[in-house]
C-alpha atoms as a PDB file:
ATOM      1  CA  UNK A   1      -0.015  -0.031  -0.071  1.00  0.00           C
ATOM      2  CA  UNK A   2       2.733   2.413   0.811  1.00  0.00           C
ATOM      3  CA  UNK A   3       4.804   1.488  -2.250  1.00  0.00           C
ATOM      4  CA  UNK A   4       1.821   2.198  -4.566  1.00  0.00           C
ATOM      5  CA  UNK A   5       1.336   5.658  -2.689  1.00  0.00           C
ATOM      6  CA  UNK A   6       4.860   6.514  -3.166  1.00  0.00           C
ATOM      7  CA  UNK A   7       5.065   5.451  -6.991  1.00  0.00           C
ATOM      8  CA  UNK A   8       1.628   7.290  -7.502  1.00  0.00           C
ATOM      9  CA  UNK A   9       2.869  10.340  -5.789  1.00  0.00           C
ATOM     10  CA  UNK A  10       6.352  10.185  -7.833  1.00  0.00           C
ATOM     11  CA  UNK A  11       4.293   9.809 -11.077  1.00  0.00           C
ATOM     12  CA  UNK A  12       2.056  12.820 -10.069  1.00  0.00           C
ATOM     13  CA  UNK A  13       5.122  14.892  -9.496  1.00  0.00           C
ATOM     14  CA  UNK A  14       6.696  13.978 -12.775  1.00  0.00           C
ATOM     15  CA  UNK A  15       3.367  14.541 -14.532  1.00  0.00           C
ATOM     16  CA  UNK A  16       3.176  18.088 -12.670  1.00  0.00           C
ATOM     17  CA  UNK A  17       6.859  18.775 -13.636  1.00  0.00           C
ATOM     18  CA  UNK A  18       6.026  18.053 -17.306  1.00  0.00           C
ATOM     19  CA  UNK A  19       2.977  20.428 -17.185  1.00  0.00           C
ATOM     20  CA  UNK A  20       5.012  23.240 -15.879  1.00  0.00           C
ATOM     21  CA  UNK A  21       7.592  22.592 -18.256  1.00  0.00           C
ATOM     22  CA  UNK A  22       5.020  22.892 -21.033  1.00  0.00           C
ATOM     23  CA  UNK A  23       3.613  25.927 -19.716  1.00  0.00           C
ATOM     24  CA  UNK A  24       7.021  27.632 -19.511  1.00  0.00           C
ATOM     25  CA  UNK A  25       8.100  26.681 -22.873  1.00  0.00           C
ATOM     26  CA  UNK A  26       4.670  27.908 -24.275  1.00  0.00           C
ATOM     27  CA  UNK A  27       5.267  31.323 -22.547  1.00  0.00           C
ATOM     28  CA  UNK A  28       8.733  31.358 -23.798  1.00  0.00           C
ATOM     29  CA  UNK A  29       7.694  30.785 -27.460  1.00  0.00           C
ATOM     30  CA  UNK A  30       4.707  33.379 -26.897  1.00  0.00           C
ATOM     31  CA  UNK A  31       7.259  35.746 -25.647  1.00  0.00           C
ATOM     32  CA  UNK A  32       9.708  35.316 -28.523  1.00  0.00           C
ATOM     33  CA  UNK A  33       6.756  35.757 -30.997  1.00  0.00           C
ATOM     34  CA  UNK A  34       5.504  39.150 -29.442  1.00  0.00           C
ATOM     35  CA  UNK A  35       9.143  40.411 -29.583  1.00  0.00           C
ATOM     36  CA  UNK A  36       9.605  39.578 -33.134  1.00  0.00           C
ATOM     37  CA  UNK A  37       6.254  41.069 -33.854  1.00  0.00           C
ATOM     38  CA  UNK A  38       7.065  44.355 -32.002  1.00  0.00           C
ATOM     39  CA  UNK A  39      10.469  44.592 -33.501  1.00  0.00           C
ATOM     40  CA  UNK A  40       8.887  44.204 -36.999  1.00  0.00           C
ATOM     41  CA  UNK A  41       6.377  46.897 -36.308  1.00  0.00           C
ATOM     42  CA  UNK A  42       8.943  49.240 -35.132  1.00  0.00           C
ATOM     43  CA  UNK A  43      11.026  48.653 -38.058  1.00  0.00           C
ATOM     44  CA  UNK A  44       8.139  49.412 -40.397  1.00  0.00           C
ATOM     45  CA  UNK A  45       7.277  52.717 -38.317  1.00  0.00           C
ATOM     46  CA  UNK A  46      11.015  53.894 -38.161  1.00  0.00           C
ATOM     47  CA  UNK A  47      11.101  52.971 -41.985  1.00  0.00           C
ATOM     48  CA  UNK A  48       8.297  55.592 -42.595  1.00  0.00           C
ATOM     49  CA  UNK A  49       9.727  58.064 -40.106  1.00  0.00           C
ATOM     50  CA  UNK A  50      13.141  58.160 -41.523  1.00  0.00           C
ATOM     51  CA  UNK A  51      11.857  58.389 -45.015  1.00  0.00           C
ATOM     52  CA  UNK A  52       9.805  61.230 -44.163  1.00  0.00           C
ATOM     53  CA  UNK A  53      12.746  62.921 -42.380  1.00  0.00           C
ATOM     54  CA  UNK A  54      14.800  62.330 -45.752  1.00  0.00           C
ATOM     55  CA  UNK A  55      16.875  59.424 -44.233  1.00  0.00           C
ATOM     56  CA  UNK A  56      17.173  56.221 -45.912  1.00  0.00           C
ATOM     57  CA  UNK A  57      14.547  53.834 -44.770  1.00  0.00           C
ATOM     58  CA  UNK A  58      16.685  50.829 -44.531  1.00  0.00           C
ATOM     59  CA  UNK A  59      18.590  52.358 -41.534  1.00  0.00           C
ATOM     60  CA  UNK A  60      15.432  51.234 -39.642  1.00  0.00           C
ATOM     61  CA  UNK A  61      16.777  47.498 -40.008  1.00  0.00           C
ATOM     62  CA  UNK A  62      20.021  48.056 -38.147  1.00  0.00           C
ATOM     63  CA  UNK A  63      19.532  48.646 -34.306  1.00  0.00           C
ATOM     64  CA  UNK A  64      22.466  50.791 -33.603  1.00  0.00           C
ATOM     65  CA  UNK A  65      21.922  52.829 -36.790  1.00  0.00           C
ATOM     66  CA  UNK A  66      18.279  53.244 -36.192  1.00  0.00           C
ATOM     67  CA  UNK A  67      18.978  54.651 -32.768  1.00  0.00           C
ATOM     68  CA  UNK A  68      21.800  56.985 -34.099  1.00  0.00           C
ATOM     69  CA  UNK A  69      19.239  58.196 -36.779  1.00  0.00           C
ATOM     70  CA  UNK A  70      16.419  58.983 -34.219  1.00  0.00           C
ATOM     71  CA  UNK A  71      18.760  60.727 -31.863  1.00  0.00           C
ATOM     72  CA  UNK A  72      20.258  62.717 -34.913  1.00  0.00           C
ATOM     73  CA  UNK A  73      16.686  63.629 -36.101  1.00  0.00           C
ATOM     74  CA  UNK A  74      15.545  64.807 -32.784  1.00  0.00           C
ATOM     75  CA  UNK A  75      18.729  66.305 -30.948  1.00  0.00           C
ATOM     76  CA  UNK A  76      21.992  66.445 -32.856  1.00  0.00           C
ATOM     77  CA  UNK A  77      25.104  64.703 -33.695  1.00  0.00           C
ATOM     78  CA  UNK A  78      27.055  65.121 -30.502  1.00  0.00           C
ATOM     79  CA  UNK A  79      24.284  63.702 -28.529  1.00  0.00           C
ATOM     80  CA  UNK A  80      24.177  60.668 -30.774  1.00  0.00           C
ATOM     81  CA  UNK A  81      27.960  60.147 -29.964  1.00  0.00           C
ATOM     82  CA  UNK A  82      27.032  60.780 -26.235  1.00  0.00           C
ATOM     83  CA  UNK A  83      24.523  57.884 -26.469  1.00  0.00           C
ATOM     84  CA  UNK A  84      26.994  55.630 -28.116  1.00  0.00           C
ATOM     85  CA  UNK A  85      29.772  56.510 -25.517  1.00  0.00           C
ATOM     86  CA  UNK A  86      27.140  55.817 -22.545  1.00  0.00           C
ATOM     87  CA  UNK A  87      26.328  52.464 -24.040  1.00  0.00           C
ATOM     88  CA  UNK A  88      30.075  51.668 -24.418  1.00  0.00           C
ATOM     89  CA  UNK A  89      30.770  52.559 -20.886  1.00  0.00           C
ATOM     90  CA  UNK A  90      27.838  50.964 -19.426  1.00  0.00           C
ATOM     91  CA  UNK A  91      28.866  47.797 -21.265  1.00  0.00           C
ATOM     92  CA  UNK A  92      32.525  48.026 -19.943  1.00  0.00           C
ATOM     93  CA  UNK A  93      31.184  48.625 -16.249  1.00  0.00           C
ATOM     94  CA  UNK A  94      28.725  45.701 -16.594  1.00  0.00           C
ATOM     95  CA  UNK A  95      31.318  43.227 -17.859  1.00  0.00           C
ATOM     96  CA  UNK A  96      33.909  44.119 -15.248  1.00  0.00           C
ATOM     97  CA  UNK A  97      31.312  43.748 -12.553  1.00  0.00           C
ATOM     98  CA  UNK A  98      30.232  40.293 -13.983  1.00  0.00           C
ATOM     99  CA  UNK A  99      33.757  39.115 -14.418  1.00  0.00           C
ATOM    100  CA  UNK A 100      34.589  39.951 -10.804  1.00  0.00           C
ATOM    101  CA  UNK A 101      31.545  38.337  -9.289  1.00  0.00           C
ATOM    102  CA  UNK A 102      32.095  35.177 -11.311  1.00  0.00           C
ATOM    103  CA  UNK A 103      35.919  35.027 -10.334  1.00  0.00           C
ATOM    104  CA  UNK A 104      34.725  35.472  -6.762  1.00  0.00           C
ATOM    105  CA  UNK A 105      36.533  38.623  -6.297  1.00  0.00           C
ATOM    106  CA  UNK A 106      35.285  41.822  -4.328  1.00  0.00           C
ATOM    107  CA  UNK A 107      33.531  44.327  -6.559  1.00  0.00           C
ATOM    108  CA  UNK A 108      34.865  48.059  -5.656  1.00  0.00           C
ATOM    109  CA  UNK A 109      32.015  50.083  -4.384  1.00  0.00           C
ATOM    110  CA  UNK A 110      32.175  52.688  -6.878  1.00  0.00           C
ATOM    111  CA  UNK A 111      31.419  50.446  -9.927  1.00  0.00           C
ATOM    112  CA  UNK A 112      27.604  49.448  -8.723  1.00  0.00           C
ATOM    113  CA  UNK A 113      27.264  53.173  -8.105  1.00  0.00           C
ATOM    114  CA  UNK A 114      28.752  54.167 -11.403  1.00  0.00           C
ATOM    115  CA  UNK A 115      26.324  51.402 -13.000  1.00  0.00           C
ATOM    116  CA  UNK A 116      23.274  53.072 -11.549  1.00  0.00           C
ATOM    117  CA  UNK A 117      24.316  56.494 -12.470  1.00  0.00           C
ATOM    118  CA  UNK A 118      24.790  55.322 -15.968  1.00  0.00           C
ATOM    119  CA  UNK A 119      21.162  53.764 -15.916  1.00  0.00           C
ATOM    120  CA  UNK A 120      19.681  56.795 -14.479  1.00  0.00           C
ATOM    121  CA  UNK A 121      21.364  59.173 -17.059  1.00  0.00           C
ATOM    122  CA  UNK A 122      20.427  56.780 -19.946  1.00  0.00           C
ATOM    123  CA  UNK A 123      16.781  56.874 -18.891  1.00  0.00           C
ATOM    124  CA  UNK A 124      16.854  60.679 -18.413  1.00  0.00           C
ATOM    125  CA  UNK A 125      18.504  60.948 -21.907  1.00  0.00           C
ATOM    126  CA  UNK A 126      15.868  58.474 -23.606  1.00  0.00           C
ATOM    127  CA  UNK A 127      13.050  60.536 -22.290  1.00  0.00           C
ATOM    128  CA  UNK A 128      14.520  63.843 -23.417  1.00  0.00           C
ATOM    129  CA  UNK A 129      15.203  62.238 -26.869  1.00  0.00           C
ATOM    130  CA  UNK A 130      11.566  61.018 -27.025  1.00  0.00           C
ATOM    131  CA  UNK A 131      10.179  64.491 -26.091  1.00  0.00           C
ATOM    132  CA  UNK A 132      12.550  66.125 -28.773  1.00  0.00           C
ATOM    133  CA  UNK A 133      11.216  63.479 -31.442  1.00  0.00           C
ATOM    134  CA  UNK A 134       7.715  64.396 -30.731  1.00  0.00           C
ATOM    135  CA  UNK A 135       8.520  68.075 -31.080  1.00  0.00           C
ATOM    136  CA  UNK A 136      10.418  67.379 -34.351  1.00  0.00           C
ATOM    137  CA  UNK A 137       7.258  66.082 -35.993  1.00  0.00           C
ATOM    138  CA  UNK A 138       5.056  68.956 -34.488  1.00  0.00           C
ATOM    139  CA  UNK A 139       3.506  66.794 -31.724  1.00  0.00           C
ATOM    140  CA  UNK A 140       2.828  67.866 -28.161  1.00  0.00           C
ATOM    141  CA  UNK A 141       3.249  66.756 -24.710  1.00  0.00           C
ATOM    142  CA  UNK A 142       0.386  64.137 -25.088  1.00  0.00           C
ATOM    143  CA  UNK A 143       1.851  62.375 -27.906  1.00  0.00           C
ATOM    144  CA  UNK A 144       5.053  62.345 -25.970  1.00  0.00           C
ATOM    145  CA  UNK A 145       3.517  60.664 -23.310  1.00  0.00           C
ATOM    146  CA  UNK A 146       1.998  58.064 -25.829  1.00  0.00           C
ATOM    147  CA  UNK A 147       5.616  57.446 -27.290  1.00  0.00           C
ATOM    148  CA  UNK A 148       6.834  56.782 -23.648  1.00  0.00           C
ATOM    149  CA  UNK A 149       3.886  54.311 -22.688  1.00  0.00           C
ATOM    150  CA  UNK A 150       2.914  52.923 -26.078  1.00  0.00           C
ATOM    151  CA  UNK A 151       5.733  53.276 -28.421  1.00  0.00           C
ATOM    152  CA  UNK A 152       5.197  50.855 -31.147  1.00  0.00           C
ATOM    153  CA  UNK A 153       1.778  52.315 -31.572  1.00  0.00           C
ATOM    154  CA  UNK A 154       2.524  55.766 -31.385  1.00  0.00           C
ATOM    155  CA  UNK A 155       5.633  55.162 -33.868  1.00  0.00           C
ATOM    156  CA  UNK A 156       3.298  53.876 -36.222  1.00  0.00           C
ATOM    157  CA  UNK A 157       1.288  56.947 -36.003  1.00  0.00           C
ATOM    158  CA  UNK A 158       3.982  59.017 -36.533  1.00  0.00           C
ATOM    159  CA  UNK A 159       5.361  57.219 -39.374  1.00  0.00           C
ATOM    160  CA  UNK A 160       1.857  56.569 -41.169  1.00  0.00           C
ATOM    161  CA  UNK A 161      -0.018  59.709 -39.799  1.00  0.00           C
ATOM    162  CA  UNK A 162       0.085  63.081 -41.265  1.00  0.00           C
ATOM    163  CA  UNK A 163       2.800  64.414 -38.995  1.00  0.00           C
ATOM    164  CA  UNK A 164       5.595  66.120 -41.161  1.00  0.00           C
ATOM    165  CA  UNK A 165       9.250  66.332 -39.993  1.00  0.00           C
ATOM    166  CA  UNK A 166       9.841  69.902 -39.031  1.00  0.00           C
ATOM    167  CA  UNK A 167      13.513  69.546 -38.250  1.00  0.00           C
ATOM    168  CA  UNK A 168      15.171  69.740 -34.514  1.00  0.00           C
ATOM    169  CA  UNK A 169      13.268  72.006 -32.162  1.00  0.00           C
ATOM    170  CA  UNK A 170      15.657  73.609 -29.720  1.00  0.00           C
END
């Protein structure tokens, strides 16, 4: 009797583990499909936005290049270089922290602080750049909020809507 109970509970645990694994696999595949769909939507939106602004549409396909062009359209080239430098420094700091943790070495106290500062600066930079992008197409604060919270939808509206590129605004 006890053996049957143990066998049944082991089979139940195995079946439950299989169900959980199937759910995680399904969620993973679903997440990948959603991410690809959003990427394709953003490429289409950026393509239209770039062609409206006189830049080659194919720049929207290349991730670093589309970020460069977006900053160049909304702000200026020195700020685009600043964004690239910020990304490089952030990557270097992350690699140093990760390698020290993996090696079991102590991480100097300023590195995590530097990492947090870089993240805060990057978020503020992104918000300002998004605001300037909305202004460059003659849109107001409400549209800027839409770009922040529902970016793929509002980028499609910007690309396919009646907004025209008016150049950098201050």
